[in-house]
């Protein structure tokens, strides 16, 4: 079974690049830098005073390390005003050549590309990673550590905006369902059953392309499943499931009941209907009668990918009230 330890050494997809973000703190300028690769460099307690100083953003070749390929680490210390505590924050790191893994106060918060032996460059992708509230210290010192692997050419955090940003188009979720889901390649309608045992399935992060999490050649049909309970105070609300964006099409079941679909799956020799479906935000109303108010609930998502990238790949994933949904849609239209 693919466990979380495997997932964190692969790509954690950045959030939607079209988000409405506002700069709160610039992190451009002088960072600490060291070539090589040691696990303790991610620790906030590590003493980096003897490291070199390097300007970010710029290639490390331009900063005194010409021709160097391989592993290196960046670190920077900064403080965050307590006034940002109620905002949804992201760190932007511009473009990194080639692969990165990013830690905030020792918490892994994201990365792009794949390390050897299954090397995959992400040199041309903007890094934007959501900051978990648990990882950030307000009113005191924080440390970002960035592990970078460069195979050839220029290396490092070489261009783009670098800093902390708050999100403007925020939706207040009743229940955040981002994170780890059960995942299975193949197809069986029995997998929509809430009593089905998925414990032998793989584990995958949502939202993120499945190709970037150990399934590089996977096309066709796959399923996701997630178990959760709903706070009793929301049990009688009219709730909507936000499922972000899906590449390419989907069918969604709530406790075994179909609550929505986008696109048409291939059937009886007829091709799937997928044109531009990957660009649509998924939102499905959950009939109150389908909700188990004091028990575990199960979401099962059937996904068809026609080629290239696949899966539940970006944006909000969670339950929201109808009132909050209407407010959110006004910000994204």
Protein backbone atom coordinates (compact mmCIF):
# COMPACT_ATOMS: atom_id res chain seq x y z
CA UNK A 1 0.00 0.00 0.00
CA UNK A 2 1.25 3.50 -0.80
CA UNK A 3 1.50 5.30 2.51
CA UNK A 4 1.95 8.96 3.31
CA UNK A 5 5.73 8.64 3.50
CA UNK A 6 5.74 7.83 -0.23
CA UNK A 7 3.43 10.67 -1.08
CA UNK A 8 5.59 13.33 0.58
CA UNK A 9 8.62 12.52 -1.55
CA UNK A 10 6.55 13.00 -4.67
CA UNK A 11 4.72 16.05 -5.90
CA UNK A 12 2.28 17.96 -3.80
CA UNK A 13 0.38 20.01 -6.33
CA UNK A 14 0.27 23.77 -5.95
CA UNK A 15 -3.08 25.46 -5.51
CA UNK A 16 -4.96 27.08 -8.36
CA UNK A 17 -2.71 29.75 -9.94
CA UNK A 18 -5.80 31.89 -10.64
CA UNK A 19 -6.56 32.42 -6.95
CA UNK A 20 -6.99 36.00 -5.80
CA UNK A 21 -3.99 36.62 -3.56
CA UNK A 22 -2.70 39.70 -1.73
CA UNK A 23 0.93 40.08 -0.66
CA UNK A 24 1.37 40.25 3.12
CA UNK A 25 5.14 39.79 3.47
CA UNK A 26 7.99 39.74 0.95
CA UNK A 27 10.56 36.97 1.37
CA UNK A 28 12.75 38.18 -1.46
CA UNK A 29 16.35 39.00 -0.65
CA UNK A 30 18.90 37.23 1.52
CA UNK A 31 18.45 33.56 2.48
CA UNK A 32 20.82 31.02 4.06
CA UNK A 33 22.11 28.36 1.64
CA UNK A 34 24.05 25.09 1.78
CA UNK A 35 24.89 22.46 -0.81
CA UNK A 36 24.38 18.79 0.02
CA UNK A 37 21.47 16.99 1.61
CA UNK A 38 20.84 16.22 5.28
CA UNK A 39 17.51 15.45 6.93
CA UNK A 40 18.15 17.76 9.88
CA UNK A 41 18.20 20.81 7.57
CA UNK A 42 14.39 20.73 7.68
CA UNK A 43 14.33 21.14 11.46
CA UNK A 44 13.55 24.61 12.88
CA UNK A 45 16.12 23.88 15.60
CA UNK A 46 19.01 23.39 13.18
CA UNK A 47 21.77 26.03 13.46
CA UNK A 48 22.40 27.45 9.98
CA UNK A 49 24.61 30.37 11.07
CA UNK A 50 27.62 28.96 9.19
CA UNK A 51 25.75 28.63 5.91
CA UNK A 52 26.42 30.91 2.96
CA UNK A 53 24.14 33.86 2.17
CA UNK A 54 22.36 33.86 -1.19
CA UNK A 55 19.89 36.15 -2.96
CA UNK A 56 16.39 34.84 -3.73
CA UNK A 57 15.12 34.78 -6.40
CA UNK A 58 18.15 34.03 -8.58
CA UNK A 59 19.88 30.90 -9.81
CA UNK A 60 22.54 29.58 -7.48
CA UNK A 61 24.94 29.68 -10.43
CA UNK A 62 24.63 33.49 -10.37
CA UNK A 63 25.18 33.48 -6.62
CA UNK A 64 28.60 31.82 -6.60
CA UNK A 65 27.89 28.15 -7.34
CA UNK A 66 28.54 27.90 -11.11
CA UNK A 67 28.04 24.48 -12.67
CA UNK A 68 26.72 22.87 -9.48
CA UNK A 69 24.09 20.15 -9.93
CA UNK A 70 22.58 18.05 -7.15
CA UNK A 71 20.97 18.78 -3.78
CA UNK A 72 20.99 22.06 -1.87
CA UNK A 73 18.93 23.69 0.88
CA UNK A 74 17.60 27.21 1.45
CA UNK A 75 16.45 28.59 4.82
CA UNK A 76 14.92 31.91 5.92
CA UNK A 77 13.62 33.25 9.23
CA UNK A 78 10.68 35.66 9.46
CA UNK A 79 7.89 36.85 11.76
CA UNK A 80 4.15 37.02 11.06
CA UNK A 81 1.86 39.68 12.52
CA UNK A 82 -0.89 38.33 14.78
CA UNK A 83 -3.35 40.29 12.66
CA UNK A 84 -2.99 37.64 9.94
CA UNK A 85 -4.23 34.83 12.20
CA UNK A 86 -7.73 34.79 10.70
CA UNK A 87 -6.53 34.85 7.08
CA UNK A 88 -5.89 31.94 4.73
CA UNK A 89 -2.18 32.17 3.93
CA UNK A 90 0.00 30.81 1.15
CA UNK A 91 3.72 30.89 0.49
CA UNK A 92 4.84 31.72 -3.06
CA UNK A 93 8.34 30.62 -4.09
CA UNK A 94 8.32 31.49 -7.78
CA UNK A 95 9.92 28.94 -10.10
CA UNK A 96 12.39 26.37 -8.80
CA UNK A 97 14.78 24.32 -10.94
CA UNK A 98 14.10 21.39 -10.78
CA UNK A 99 12.49 19.66 -7.76
CA UNK A 100 11.53 21.08 -4.35
CA UNK A 101 10.27 20.00 -0.94
CA UNK A 102 9.19 22.82 1.37
CA UNK A 103 9.03 22.80 5.19
CA UNK A 104 7.61 25.44 7.54
CA UNK A 105 8.80 25.08 11.13
CA UNK A 106 9.54 21.43 10.34
CA UNK A 107 6.09 20.74 8.83
CA UNK A 108 6.10 19.58 5.21
CA UNK A 109 3.78 21.92 3.29
CA UNK A 110 4.37 21.04 -0.36
CA UNK A 111 6.67 20.43 -3.28
CA UNK A 112 6.78 19.81 -7.01
CA UNK A 113 8.64 17.38 -9.26
CA UNK A 114 10.04 13.96 -8.42
CA UNK A 115 13.43 13.04 -7.02
CA UNK A 116 15.68 10.35 -8.52
CA UNK A 117 15.44 7.53 -9.40
CA UNK A 118 12.07 8.52 -10.93
CA UNK A 119 13.25 12.04 -11.66
CA UNK A 120 10.76 14.54 -13.04
CA UNK A 121 11.51 18.26 -13.42
CA UNK A 122 9.02 20.98 -12.49
CA UNK A 123 11.34 23.88 -13.37
CA UNK A 124 8.65 25.92 -15.17
CA UNK A 125 5.91 25.69 -12.52
CA UNK A 126 5.09 28.47 -10.08
CA UNK A 127 5.20 27.21 -6.51
CA UNK A 128 2.20 28.24 -4.41
CA UNK A 129 1.61 26.24 -1.24
CA UNK A 130 -1.13 26.63 1.35
CA UNK A 131 0.15 27.16 4.88
CA UNK A 132 -1.55 24.94 7.49
CA UNK A 133 -2.55 26.95 10.55
CA UNK A 134 -0.86 24.41 12.80
CA UNK A 135 2.50 25.07 11.10
CA UNK A 136 2.66 28.85 11.51
CA UNK A 137 3.67 30.84 14.61
CA UNK A 138 2.06 34.26 14.95
CA UNK A 139 4.02 36.99 16.68
CA UNK A 140 7.25 34.96 16.84
CA UNK A 141 9.95 33.54 14.57
CA UNK A 142 9.19 31.11 11.75
CA UNK A 143 11.59 29.19 9.53
CA UNK A 144 11.03 28.04 5.95
CA UNK A 145 13.41 25.32 4.72
CA UNK A 146 13.47 24.41 1.03
CA UNK A 147 15.14 21.25 -0.24
CA UNK A 148 16.04 21.57 -3.93
CA UNK A 149 17.37 19.06 -6.44
CA UNK A 150 18.79 20.28 -9.76
CA UNK A 151 19.79 17.84 -12.48
CA UNK A 152 21.25 20.19 -15.08
CA UNK A 153 21.46 23.80 -16.22
CA UNK A 154 20.60 26.53 -13.74
CA UNK A 155 19.43 25.54 -10.28
CA UNK A 156 17.52 26.87 -7.30
CA UNK A 157 14.77 29.40 -6.62
CA UNK A 158 15.56 31.29 -9.77
CA UNK A 159 12.69 33.66 -10.68
CA UNK A 160 9.21 34.90 -9.72
CA UNK A 161 7.46 36.37 -6.67
CA UNK A 162 8.58 35.08 -3.28
CA UNK A 163 6.60 35.84 -0.14
CA UNK A 164 3.58 35.23 2.07
CA UNK A 165 0.17 35.96 0.56
CA UNK A 166 -3.38 35.93 1.90
CA UNK A 167 -6.28 34.60 -0.12
CA UNK A 168 -9.13 36.98 -0.93
CA UNK A 169 -11.61 34.55 -2.53
CA UNK A 170 -12.10 32.56 0.66
CA UNK A 171 -14.96 30.17 1.38
CA UNK A 172 -15.84 29.14 4.93
CA UNK A 173 -16.08 25.35 4.90
CA UNK A 174 -18.25 23.38 7.29
CA UNK A 175 -15.77 20.53 6.84
CA UNK A 176 -12.45 20.64 5.00
CA UNK A 177 -11.96 17.38 3.06
CA UNK A 178 -8.56 18.15 1.58
CA UNK A 179 -5.81 15.74 2.55
CA UNK A 180 -5.51 11.98 2.28
CA UNK A 181 -8.17 9.88 0.51
CA UNK A 182 -8.38 6.19 -0.37
CA UNK A 183 -7.64 5.57 -4.05
CA UNK A 184 -8.04 2.65 -6.48
CA UNK A 185 -7.42 2.28 -10.22
CA UNK A 186 -10.13 0.27 -11.97
CA UNK A 187 -13.90 0.29 -11.92
CA UNK A 188 -16.69 -1.34 -9.93
CA UNK A 189 -19.98 0.23 -8.93
CA UNK A 190 -19.73 -1.77 -5.71
CA UNK A 191 -17.14 0.81 -4.64
CA UNK A 192 -19.88 3.41 -4.14
CA UNK A 193 -21.37 1.36 -1.30
CA UNK A 194 -20.71 3.04 2.08
CA UNK A 195 -20.19 -0.40 3.64
CA UNK A 196 -17.44 -1.34 1.20
CA UNK A 197 -14.06 -1.92 2.89
CA UNK A 198 -11.42 0.19 1.11
CA UNK A 199 -8.65 -0.39 3.66
CA UNK A 200 -6.54 -2.31 1.11
CA UNK A 201 -6.58 0.62 -1.32
CA UNK A 202 -3.72 3.05 -1.87
CA UNK A 203 -3.63 6.48 -0.21
CA UNK A 204 -3.49 9.68 -2.26
CA UNK A 205 -3.54 13.43 -1.56
CA UNK A 206 -6.50 15.57 -2.66
CA UNK A 207 -6.29 17.90 -4.45
CA UNK A 208 -3.35 16.89 -6.68
CA UNK A 209 -2.90 15.11 -9.99
CA UNK A 210 -2.53 11.35 -9.51
CA UNK A 211 0.29 11.29 -12.10
CA UNK A 212 2.39 13.33 -9.69
CA UNK A 213 1.79 10.95 -6.80
CA UNK A 214 3.18 7.72 -8.18
CA UNK A 215 0.78 6.97 -11.05
CA UNK A 216 2.61 8.52 -14.06
CA UNK A 217 0.96 6.41 -16.78
CA UNK A 218 -2.53 6.05 -15.34
CA UNK A 219 -5.43 6.78 -17.70
CA UNK A 220 -9.00 5.51 -17.59
CA UNK A 221 -11.22 5.06 -14.54
CA UNK A 222 -10.22 5.32 -10.88
CA UNK A 223 -12.10 5.83 -7.62
CA UNK A 224 -11.61 7.97 -4.52
CA UNK A 225 -13.23 7.36 -1.13
CA UNK A 226 -13.35 9.46 2.05
CA UNK A 227 -14.93 8.78 5.47
CA UNK A 228 -15.94 11.56 7.89
CA UNK A 229 -18.49 12.75 10.44
CA UNK A 230 -20.49 15.97 10.26
CA UNK A 231 -20.79 18.20 13.31
CA UNK A 232 -24.31 17.92 14.70
CA UNK A 233 -24.87 21.69 14.44
CA UNK A 234 -24.65 21.44 10.64
CA UNK A 235 -26.69 18.27 10.25
CA UNK A 236 -29.88 20.14 9.39
CA UNK A 237 -28.23 22.71 7.12
CA UNK A 238 -28.51 22.60 3.34
CA UNK A 239 -25.00 21.47 2.46
CA UNK A 240 -23.08 21.48 -0.80
CA UNK A 241 -20.05 19.37 -1.61
CA UNK A 242 -17.26 21.34 -3.28
CA UNK A 243 -14.98 18.96 -5.19
CA UNK A 244 -12.65 21.49 -6.77
CA UNK A 245 -11.74 20.69 -10.36
CA UNK A 246 -11.50 17.19 -11.82
CA UNK A 247 -9.57 16.00 -14.86
CA UNK A 248 -11.56 14.92 -16.79
CA UNK A 249 -15.05 13.83 -15.61
CA UNK A 250 -16.68 12.46 -12.46
CA UNK A 251 -19.64 10.82 -10.76
CA UNK A 252 -20.08 11.49 -7.05
CA UNK A 253 -21.84 9.31 -4.48
CA UNK A 254 -22.77 10.34 -0.93
CA UNK A 255 -23.46 7.32 1.29
CA UNK A 256 -24.15 5.32 -1.86
CA UNK A 257 -26.50 7.87 -3.46
CA UNK A 258 -25.54 9.63 -6.69
CA UNK A 259 -25.55 13.39 -5.95
CA UNK A 260 -24.03 14.71 -9.17
CA UNK A 261 -21.89 14.17 -12.24
CA UNK A 262 -19.97 16.18 -14.79
CA UNK A 263 -19.44 14.75 -18.27
CA UNK A 264 -20.43 11.37 -19.65
CA UNK A 265 -18.43 8.20 -19.09
CA UNK A 266 -17.59 5.91 -22.04
CA UNK A 267 -20.22 3.21 -22.44
CA UNK A 268 -21.18 0.54 -24.98
CA UNK A 269 -18.41 1.57 -27.33
CA UNK A 270 -19.37 5.24 -27.23
CA UNK A 271 -16.63 7.73 -26.29
CA UNK A 272 -16.68 9.84 -23.14
CA UNK A 273 -17.92 13.44 -23.18
CA UNK A 274 -15.03 15.40 -21.69
CA UNK A 275 -14.56 18.63 -23.67
CA UNK A 276 -13.54 21.46 -21.31
CA UNK A 277 -14.97 19.55 -18.32
CA UNK A 278 -11.65 19.77 -16.45
CA UNK A 279 -12.07 23.56 -16.18
CA UNK A 280 -15.43 23.43 -14.37
CA UNK A 281 -15.72 23.85 -10.62
CA UNK A 282 -17.53 20.86 -9.12
CA UNK A 283 -20.32 21.63 -6.66
CA UNK A 284 -23.04 19.11 -5.74
CA UNK A 285 -26.01 19.62 -3.41
CA UNK A 286 -26.32 16.96 -0.70
CA UNK A 287 -29.97 16.11 0.06
CA UNK A 288 -30.45 16.18 3.86
CA UNK A 289 -32.00 12.69 3.83
CA UNK A 290 -28.68 11.29 2.55
CA UNK A 291 -26.70 12.55 5.56
CA UNK A 292 -26.00 10.25 8.50
CA UNK A 293 -26.31 12.77 11.31
CA UNK A 294 -24.58 10.89 14.13
CA UNK A 295 -22.63 8.32 12.14
CA UNK A 296 -19.80 8.07 9.67
CA UNK A 297 -20.49 9.36 6.16
CA UNK A 298 -18.76 8.18 2.97
CA UNK A 299 -18.06 10.04 -0.25
CA UNK A 300 -17.10 7.92 -3.28
CA UNK A 301 -15.92 9.64 -6.46
CA UNK A 302 -15.61 7.84 -9.79
CA UNK A 303 -13.22 9.64 -12.15
CA UNK A 304 -12.41 9.10 -15.82
CA UNK A 305 -9.21 10.54 -17.30
CA UNK A 306 -8.78 10.43 -21.08
CA UNK A 307 -5.05 11.12 -21.02
CA UNK A 308 -2.24 13.27 -19.66
CA UNK A 309 -3.08 14.49 -16.12
CA UNK A 310 -5.94 13.02 -14.11
CA UNK A 311 -7.82 13.22 -10.84
CA UNK A 312 -9.21 15.77 -8.36
CA UNK A 313 -6.47 18.26 -8.94
CA UNK A 314 -7.09 21.72 -7.44
CA UNK A 315 -9.29 24.19 -5.54
CA UNK A 316 -11.50 23.79 -2.46
CA UNK A 317 -12.62 20.30 -1.45
CA UNK A 318 -15.13 20.15 1.39
CA UNK A 319 -18.66 20.75 2.61
CA UNK A 320 -20.13 24.25 2.67
CA UNK A 321 -23.52 25.74 3.54
CA UNK A 322 -25.70 27.05 0.73
CA UNK A 323 -25.29 30.61 2.06
CA UNK A 324 -21.48 30.41 1.98
CA UNK A 325 -21.56 28.73 -1.42
CA UNK A 326 -23.51 31.62 -2.93
CA UNK A 327 -21.05 34.15 -1.46
CA UNK A 328 -18.09 32.19 -2.79
CA UNK A 329 -19.50 31.86 -6.32
CA UNK A 330 -19.78 35.64 -6.56
CA UNK A 331 -15.99 35.86 -6.12
CA UNK A 332 -15.11 33.30 -8.80
CA UNK A 333 -17.53 34.23 -11.60
